[in-house]
Amino acid sequence: MPIPKTMRAMVLEKSPGRLVLKEVPVPDPGPGELLLAVAACGACRTDLHIVDGELTEPKLPLIPGHQIVGKIVKKGSSVDRFQIGDRVGVPWLGQTCGVCRFCKSGRENLCDAPVFTGYTRDGGFAEYAIADQNYCFSLPESFDDLTAAPLLCAGLIGFRTLRLAGEDVDALGIYGFGAAAHIVTQIAVHRGKRVYAFTRPGDRTGQDFARGLGAVWAGAADQLPPEPLDAALIFAPAGELVPAALQAVAKGGQVVCGGIHMSDIPSFPYRLLWEERVVKSVANLTRRDGVELLKEAARVPVRVAANRFPLEKANRALDLLRRGAIEGAAVLVL
C-alpha cells in the first residue's frame, strides 16, 4: 500500500493546552529508523502530565503518545533488526546516548541525553510514527494491538517498580489502581505475592476490580491493610500517599514511587522512616525491562483491560484519566 504524504495527528501546540486534530506531513525515517503505520497507541498519565504542563520541557508542537503498536511500512538506511510488515512496539525511552556513565553501567534509563517518545520526539497519537529500531520491541502474538499497547508503558513501569521493591516481598501494597497497577497485580499474584490494593476512598468499583485480578484485600488509601506490608508501590501522582505507605510497611520495607510526576510529599515524622524503611523512585525504563516484561506477560498470561477510543477522541480519553474514571487502560485505535 502506498504511503500518503500527509496523516491525521492529535497535536499539542502549547502546554498546558488541548490536543488539536491536524493534517500533518508523514515523517520520513532516517538512518536506523522505522516508519510505522500506527495500529494502536495507549494514552497514559504521562501524556496527561505533558498536556497539563506538569512536565515542562516538551518539544512543541508535539504529537504525544509513547505506547505505540504499529507495522513497519518503510525502513531507513542501515536498518537490520526488522523487516517491512513486522509488528513492533515503541516505548517511552526512544533513544539514549550510549556513552554517559549511566549508559555504560547498564542504567540507560538514567541517560544524560535521552530522547523520549511523545515528549522530546513525536509519538503515536497519529496515523504514522518514527522510531529508532534499537528501541523497538517485538510483541508476543498472544496480545492483539489493543491489549499490547498498555504493556509498553503501564506494564513496563509497573514491572520496573515491582523489580525495585526487591525480591524478598510477600505482602505487597499497590496504591492507585489504574493501568500500571492492574497489570503488575497479575504479575505479582502469579509470582505468589499477596497483593493489597488501595484506591480512592469510596471507589468500590476499583476495589472490586482489584479483587477480581487476585488482590487478597482492597480498601481506601487512608486505611491500613490487615497485615504490615513488605513493600508498597505508588502509581497515583499524590505525594500524600508516601507517608501513608510508610505507615503501612513493616520494618525494612520499601516504598517505590512509580510515576514520572507527583505532587509534593508533605512533611511526616521521622518515626515513619525509621527502622530502615526506604523511599525510592522509578525513572523511565531499560530495554532489558521491556524484553523481560513482554515474556512474563505472555507467560502469566496478563489480561489487559483496554478501553478503546478513536484517534480524534484523545482529549476525551485524557479527561477520563484525569478524573480517574477509566478501569484499566485507555488506548487510541486507528
Protein backbone atom coordinates (compact mmCIF):
# COMPACT_ATOMS: atom_id res chain seq x y z
CA MET A 1 0.00 0.00 0.00
CA PRO A 2 1.45 3.40 -0.95
CA ILE A 3 2.38 5.75 1.89
CA PRO A 4 0.41 9.01 1.81
CA LYS A 5 2.10 12.39 2.01
CA THR A 6 0.01 13.57 4.97
CA MET A 7 -1.62 11.99 8.02
CA ARG A 8 -4.07 12.79 10.80
CA ALA A 9 -2.46 13.56 14.15
CA MET A 10 -3.50 14.91 17.53
CA VAL A 11 -1.12 17.79 18.14
CA LEU A 12 -0.23 19.73 21.30
CA GLU A 13 0.58 23.28 20.20
CA LYS A 14 1.07 24.81 23.64
CA SER A 15 1.47 23.44 27.14
CA PRO A 16 -0.73 23.40 29.10
CA GLY A 17 -3.30 23.01 26.36
CA ARG A 18 -5.66 20.75 24.46
CA LEU A 19 -4.81 18.43 21.61
CA VAL A 20 -5.88 19.56 18.14
CA LEU A 21 -6.68 17.21 15.26
CA LYS A 22 -4.50 18.31 12.33
CA GLU A 23 -3.33 17.09 8.95
CA VAL A 24 0.48 17.00 9.03
CA PRO A 25 3.24 15.55 6.81
CA VAL A 26 4.08 11.87 7.18
CA PRO A 27 7.64 11.75 8.58
CA ASP A 28 10.45 10.07 6.67
CA PRO A 29 12.70 7.62 8.54
CA GLY A 30 16.36 8.49 8.87
CA PRO A 31 19.29 6.07 9.27
CA GLY A 32 18.40 3.28 11.67
CA GLU A 33 14.78 4.41 11.91
CA LEU A 34 11.46 2.75 11.13
CA LEU A 35 8.28 4.30 9.79
CA LEU A 36 5.29 2.63 11.42
CA ALA A 37 1.66 2.63 10.43
CA VAL A 38 0.18 3.05 13.89
CA ALA A 39 -2.48 0.50 14.82
CA ALA A 40 -2.92 1.49 18.47
CA CYS A 41 -1.35 3.84 21.00
CA GLY A 42 -2.01 3.86 24.71
CA ALA A 43 -2.92 7.11 26.44
CA CYS A 44 -1.44 7.28 29.91
CA ARG A 45 -0.94 9.59 32.85
CA THR A 46 2.42 10.76 31.48
CA ASP A 47 0.62 12.09 28.40
CA LEU A 48 -1.71 13.87 30.81
CA HIS A 49 1.22 15.43 32.69
CA ILE A 50 2.60 16.71 29.37
CA VAL A 51 -0.71 18.15 28.18
CA ASP A 52 -1.37 19.74 31.60
CA GLY A 53 2.08 21.37 31.69
CA GLU A 54 3.35 19.39 34.69
CA LEU A 55 6.21 18.06 32.55
CA THR A 56 7.70 21.30 31.39
CA GLU A 57 10.10 20.55 28.51
CA PRO A 58 8.13 19.02 25.62
CA LYS A 59 9.11 19.81 22.08
CA LEU A 60 6.35 21.96 20.61
CA PRO A 61 4.36 21.42 18.55
CA LEU A 62 4.21 17.81 19.75
CA ILE A 63 2.40 14.63 18.82
CA PRO A 64 2.15 12.78 22.19
CA GLY A 65 1.86 9.04 22.73
CA HIS A 66 4.51 6.53 23.81
CA GLN A 67 2.75 3.17 23.90
CA ILE A 68 2.79 2.57 20.16
CA VAL A 69 1.90 -0.61 18.34
CA GLY A 70 2.39 -0.49 14.59
CA LYS A 71 3.55 -2.26 11.45
CA ILE A 72 6.73 -1.26 9.64
CA VAL A 73 5.94 0.29 6.27
CA LYS A 74 9.33 1.83 5.48
CA LYS A 75 12.90 1.41 6.69
CA GLY A 76 15.67 3.97 6.87
CA SER A 77 19.19 3.10 5.78
CA SER A 78 21.16 0.61 7.92
CA VAL A 79 18.06 -0.95 9.48
CA ASP A 80 18.93 -4.59 10.15
CA ARG A 81 16.70 -5.78 13.03
CA PHE A 82 13.28 -5.77 11.36
CA GLN A 83 11.54 -6.25 8.03
CA ILE A 84 8.70 -4.44 6.25
CA GLY A 85 5.43 -5.75 7.68
CA ASP A 86 6.80 -6.65 11.12
CA ARG A 87 4.69 -5.59 14.09
CA VAL A 88 6.64 -3.76 16.79
CA GLY A 89 6.07 -1.84 19.99
CA VAL A 90 7.57 1.55 20.81
CA PRO A 91 8.02 2.65 24.45
CA TRP A 92 8.74 5.94 26.26
CA LEU A 93 12.53 5.53 26.00
CA GLY A 94 13.19 6.46 22.39
CA GLN A 95 16.97 6.71 22.34
CA THR A 96 19.98 7.03 24.63
CA CYS A 97 23.49 8.39 24.14
CA GLY A 98 25.31 5.15 24.97
CA VAL A 99 28.40 6.99 26.24
CA CYS A 100 27.46 8.62 29.57
CA ARG A 101 28.34 6.88 32.84
CA PHE A 102 24.76 5.71 33.29
CA CYS A 103 24.53 4.07 29.87
CA LYS A 104 27.93 2.45 30.31
CA SER A 105 26.93 0.98 33.67
CA GLY A 106 23.70 -0.60 32.40
CA ARG A 107 21.47 2.21 33.66
CA GLU A 108 20.31 3.63 30.34
CA ASN A 109 17.05 4.69 31.99
CA LEU A 110 19.11 7.46 33.66
CA CYS A 111 20.90 8.54 30.44
CA ASP A 112 22.19 12.12 30.47
CA ALA A 113 20.97 12.80 26.92
CA PRO A 114 17.85 10.71 26.32
CA VAL A 115 15.14 11.02 23.70
CA PHE A 116 11.60 10.31 24.89
CA THR A 117 8.82 9.17 22.58
CA GLY A 118 5.86 11.54 22.62
CA TYR A 119 7.78 14.17 24.62
CA THR A 120 11.09 15.15 23.01
CA ARG A 121 10.20 13.44 19.73
CA ASP A 122 6.80 12.95 18.14
CA GLY A 123 4.83 9.93 19.29
CA GLY A 124 1.92 7.75 18.31
CA PHE A 125 -1.22 9.88 18.54
CA ALA A 126 -1.11 9.84 14.74
CA GLU A 127 -1.55 7.54 11.77
CA TYR A 128 2.23 7.15 11.32
CA ALA A 129 5.22 7.43 13.65
CA ILE A 130 9.01 7.21 13.51
CA ALA A 131 11.06 5.07 15.90
CA ASP A 132 14.69 4.03 16.35
CA GLN A 133 14.96 0.32 15.51
CA ASN A 134 17.15 -0.33 18.54
CA TYR A 135 14.44 0.88 20.94
CA CYS A 136 11.56 -1.13 19.50
CA PHE A 137 10.26 -4.46 20.79
CA SER A 138 8.89 -7.49 19.03
CA LEU A 139 5.47 -8.19 20.54
CA PRO A 140 4.01 -11.52 21.69
CA GLU A 141 1.41 -12.83 19.24
CA SER A 142 -0.91 -13.59 22.16
CA PHE A 143 -1.61 -9.85 22.57
CA ASP A 144 -3.57 -8.06 19.87
CA ASP A 145 -2.83 -4.42 19.05
CA LEU A 146 -5.34 -3.07 21.57
CA THR A 147 -4.03 -5.08 24.51
CA ALA A 148 -0.33 -4.90 23.59
CA ALA A 149 -0.22 -1.09 23.72
CA PRO A 150 -0.62 -0.66 27.53
CA LEU A 151 2.21 -3.11 28.16
CA LEU A 152 4.63 -0.59 26.62
CA CYS A 153 4.39 1.91 29.48
CA ALA A 154 1.84 0.90 32.10
CA GLY A 155 3.20 -2.63 32.01
CA LEU A 156 6.84 -1.62 31.80
CA ILE A 157 6.76 0.94 34.61
CA GLY A 158 4.77 -1.40 36.82
CA PHE A 159 7.28 -4.16 36.12
CA ARG A 160 10.28 -1.95 36.92
CA THR A 161 8.58 -0.62 40.06
CA LEU A 162 7.99 -4.17 41.24
CA ARG A 163 11.63 -5.02 40.49
CA LEU A 164 12.89 -2.11 42.58
CA ALA A 165 10.79 -3.29 45.54
CA GLY A 166 13.20 -6.22 45.84
CA GLU A 167 12.92 -9.98 45.73
CA ASP A 168 12.10 -10.62 49.41
CA VAL A 169 8.49 -9.41 49.23
CA ASP A 170 5.46 -11.46 50.24
CA ALA A 171 2.90 -8.79 51.24
CA LEU A 172 2.74 -6.11 48.55
CA GLY A 173 0.68 -2.93 48.65
CA ILE A 174 -0.36 -1.10 45.47
CA TYR A 175 -1.61 2.49 45.73
CA GLY A 176 -3.55 3.89 42.77
CA PHE A 177 -5.32 1.13 40.89
CA GLY A 178 -5.10 2.19 37.24
CA ALA A 179 -3.37 0.91 34.12
CA ALA A 180 0.01 0.04 35.66
CA ALA A 181 -1.48 -1.45 38.82
CA HIS A 182 -3.90 -3.77 37.06
CA ILE A 183 -1.05 -5.29 35.04
CA VAL A 184 1.55 -5.57 37.81
CA THR A 185 -1.03 -7.07 40.19
CA GLN A 186 -1.41 -10.05 37.88
CA ILE A 187 2.36 -10.50 37.64
CA ALA A 188 2.77 -10.25 41.41
CA VAL A 189 -0.05 -12.71 42.08
CA HIS A 190 1.44 -15.12 39.54
CA ARG A 191 4.73 -14.89 41.49
CA GLY A 192 2.92 -15.84 44.68
CA LYS A 193 2.71 -12.40 46.31
CA ARG A 194 -0.21 -11.31 48.50
CA VAL A 195 -1.45 -8.08 46.92
CA TYR A 196 -3.24 -5.37 48.90
CA ALA A 197 -4.88 -2.74 46.68
CA PHE A 198 -5.51 0.85 47.76
CA THR A 199 -7.91 3.11 45.84
CA ARG A 200 -9.55 6.47 46.36
CA PRO A 201 -11.94 6.38 49.33
CA GLY A 202 -15.36 5.19 48.19
CA ASP A 203 -14.11 3.65 44.93
CA ARG A 204 -15.88 0.34 45.35
CA THR A 205 -15.70 -0.36 41.62
CA GLY A 206 -11.92 -0.07 41.63
CA GLN A 207 -11.69 -2.25 44.73
CA ASP A 208 -13.85 -4.94 43.14
CA PHE A 209 -11.69 -4.72 40.01
CA ALA A 210 -8.54 -5.28 42.10
CA ARG A 211 -10.01 -8.28 43.91
CA GLY A 212 -11.09 -9.73 40.58
CA LEU A 213 -7.45 -9.66 39.47
CA GLY A 214 -6.28 -11.56 42.53
CA ALA A 215 -5.78 -8.96 45.28
CA VAL A 216 -6.39 -10.55 48.68
CA TRP A 217 -7.69 -7.24 50.08
CA ALA A 218 -8.80 -3.91 48.65
CA GLY A 219 -9.62 -0.73 50.52
CA ALA A 220 -9.18 3.03 50.67
CA ALA A 221 -5.77 4.69 50.55
CA ASP A 222 -6.31 6.16 54.02
CA GLN A 223 -6.78 2.70 55.55
CA LEU A 224 -4.15 0.35 56.97
CA PRO A 225 -4.01 -3.15 55.49
CA PRO A 226 -4.75 -6.23 57.61
CA GLU A 227 -1.03 -7.02 57.89
CA PRO A 228 2.17 -4.95 57.62
CA LEU A 229 3.47 -4.73 54.05
CA ASP A 230 6.92 -5.78 52.89
CA ALA A 231 6.75 -3.18 50.12
CA ALA A 232 4.37 -0.63 48.65
CA LEU A 233 4.18 0.57 45.06
CA ILE A 234 2.65 4.01 44.44
CA PHE A 235 1.23 4.75 40.98
CA ALA A 236 -1.15 7.61 41.85
CA PRO A 237 0.57 11.03 41.47
CA ALA A 238 -0.36 12.03 45.02
CA GLY A 239 2.51 12.90 47.35
CA GLU A 240 0.38 12.39 50.45
CA LEU A 241 0.40 8.66 49.75
CA VAL A 242 4.10 8.41 50.62
CA PRO A 243 3.66 8.86 54.40
CA ALA A 244 0.54 6.69 54.24
CA ALA A 245 2.53 3.91 52.58
CA LEU A 246 5.39 4.32 55.05
CA GLN A 247 2.91 3.81 57.86
CA ALA A 248 1.70 0.61 56.20
CA VAL A 249 5.08 -1.04 55.55
CA ALA A 250 6.94 -3.14 58.10
CA LYS A 251 10.46 -2.51 59.36
CA GLY A 252 12.92 -2.58 56.47
CA GLY A 253 10.06 -2.07 54.00
CA GLN A 254 10.35 -0.36 50.61
CA VAL A 255 8.08 2.36 49.24
CA VAL A 256 8.58 2.75 45.49
CA CYS A 257 7.07 5.70 43.61
CA GLY A 258 6.34 4.65 40.04
CA GLY A 259 5.22 7.92 38.45
CA ILE A 260 7.20 10.48 36.48
CA HIS A 261 5.41 13.32 38.29
CA MET A 262 3.94 13.54 41.77
CA SER A 263 2.51 16.32 43.91
CA ASP A 264 4.69 17.48 46.78
CA ILE A 265 5.24 14.99 49.57
CA PRO A 266 4.04 16.51 52.84
CA SER A 267 6.28 16.53 55.90
CA PHE A 268 5.99 13.49 58.14
CA PRO A 269 7.53 12.35 61.42
CA TYR A 270 10.90 10.63 61.23
CA ARG A 271 9.48 7.61 63.05
CA LEU A 272 7.66 6.61 59.82
CA LEU A 273 11.00 6.34 58.01
CA TRP A 274 13.00 4.90 60.90
CA GLU A 275 13.77 1.18 61.23
CA GLU A 276 15.39 1.11 57.80
CA ARG A 277 12.33 1.87 55.73
CA VAL A 278 13.24 3.19 52.27
CA VAL A 279 11.55 5.58 49.83
CA LYS A 280 12.73 5.47 46.21
CA SER A 281 11.54 6.45 42.74
CA VAL A 282 11.49 4.79 39.34
CA ALA A 283 12.80 6.67 36.31
CA ASN A 284 11.91 5.55 32.80
CA LEU A 285 12.85 2.01 31.70
CA THR A 286 15.61 -0.04 30.19
CA ARG A 287 15.34 -2.23 27.13
CA ARG A 288 16.02 -5.21 29.37
CA ASP A 289 12.87 -4.32 31.32
CA GLY A 290 10.89 -4.40 28.09
CA VAL A 291 12.16 -7.76 26.89
CA GLU A 292 11.59 -9.41 30.27
CA LEU A 293 8.17 -7.85 30.85
CA LEU A 294 6.82 -8.95 27.46
CA LYS A 295 7.98 -12.53 28.05
CA GLU A 296 6.46 -12.69 31.52
CA ALA A 297 3.21 -11.01 30.47
CA ALA A 298 2.71 -13.70 27.83
CA ARG A 299 3.60 -16.46 30.28
CA VAL A 300 1.20 -15.34 33.08
CA PRO A 301 -0.82 -14.58 30.84
CA VAL A 302 -1.73 -10.99 31.72
CA ARG A 303 -5.29 -9.90 30.93
CA VAL A 304 -5.19 -6.26 29.82
CA ALA A 305 -8.35 -4.24 30.41
CA ALA A 306 -8.15 -1.83 27.46
CA ASN A 307 -10.73 0.87 26.75
CA ARG A 308 -10.90 1.77 23.06
CA PHE A 309 -11.03 5.37 21.76
CA PRO A 310 -10.75 6.65 18.18
CA LEU A 311 -7.82 8.98 17.47
CA GLU A 312 -9.97 12.11 17.40
CA LYS A 313 -11.25 11.35 20.92
CA ALA A 314 -7.79 11.60 22.52
CA ASN A 315 -8.86 14.59 24.64
CA ARG A 316 -11.84 12.60 25.91
CA ALA A 317 -9.55 9.73 26.94
CA LEU A 318 -7.24 12.12 28.79
CA ASP A 319 -10.18 13.84 30.51
CA LEU A 320 -11.39 10.48 31.83
CA LEU A 321 -7.88 9.62 33.00
CA ARG A 322 -7.67 12.94 34.81
CA ARG A 323 -10.86 12.09 36.70
CA GLY A 324 -9.76 8.54 37.47
CA ALA A 325 -12.76 7.29 35.52
CA ILE A 326 -11.09 4.56 33.44
CA GLU A 327 -10.89 0.98 34.67
CA GLY A 328 -7.66 -0.39 33.28
CA ALA A 329 -6.01 1.40 30.35
CA ALA A 330 -7.08 3.87 27.64
CA VAL A 331 -5.98 3.08 24.08
CA LEU A 332 -6.38 5.08 20.87
CA VAL A 333 -7.13 2.74 17.98
CA LEU A 334 -6.60 3.74 14.36
